[in-house]
């Protein structure tokens, strides 16, 4: 009888530990889910892909001439990007975070950043500066929330 009574407190202790572990895991899932939902709802710029940008058809002239997906050759290594497209106007590079985009922009001598995307104009001489300006305005206008100046073109 004594052996039976001593097993009961151990079982209760195990159940308590299991309940606490389940509560901690549930709380963690709620926090992570809330963070993800909030980021999705309140940071719509994060969801814009370069693939979508290249496929979009503005009312005026197309701001992306001869787009080529170069993600496999550009991303990774020294540029920690998630997507890259090359056009006659610029090399477009998209990052996972705004901080990563800002950091990369600081290494570009002739470029423009809008949220998660950096445009690099280095060596792009086959189009006019006004075409490059239109490409910047098209990127910035995807959200209708850009507040800032554009580099001199």
Foldseek 3Di string as FASTA:
>chain_A
DVVVVVVVVVVVVVVVVVVVVVVVVVVVVVVVVVVVVCCVVPVVVLVDDVVVLQPDDDPDDRLFAPKDWPCVPPDDDPQPFDTWIDGLLWIKTFHNFQVSVVVVQVVAPDWDDDGRIITHRPPNDPDDPVSNVVNVCSVNPPPPDDDDDDPDD
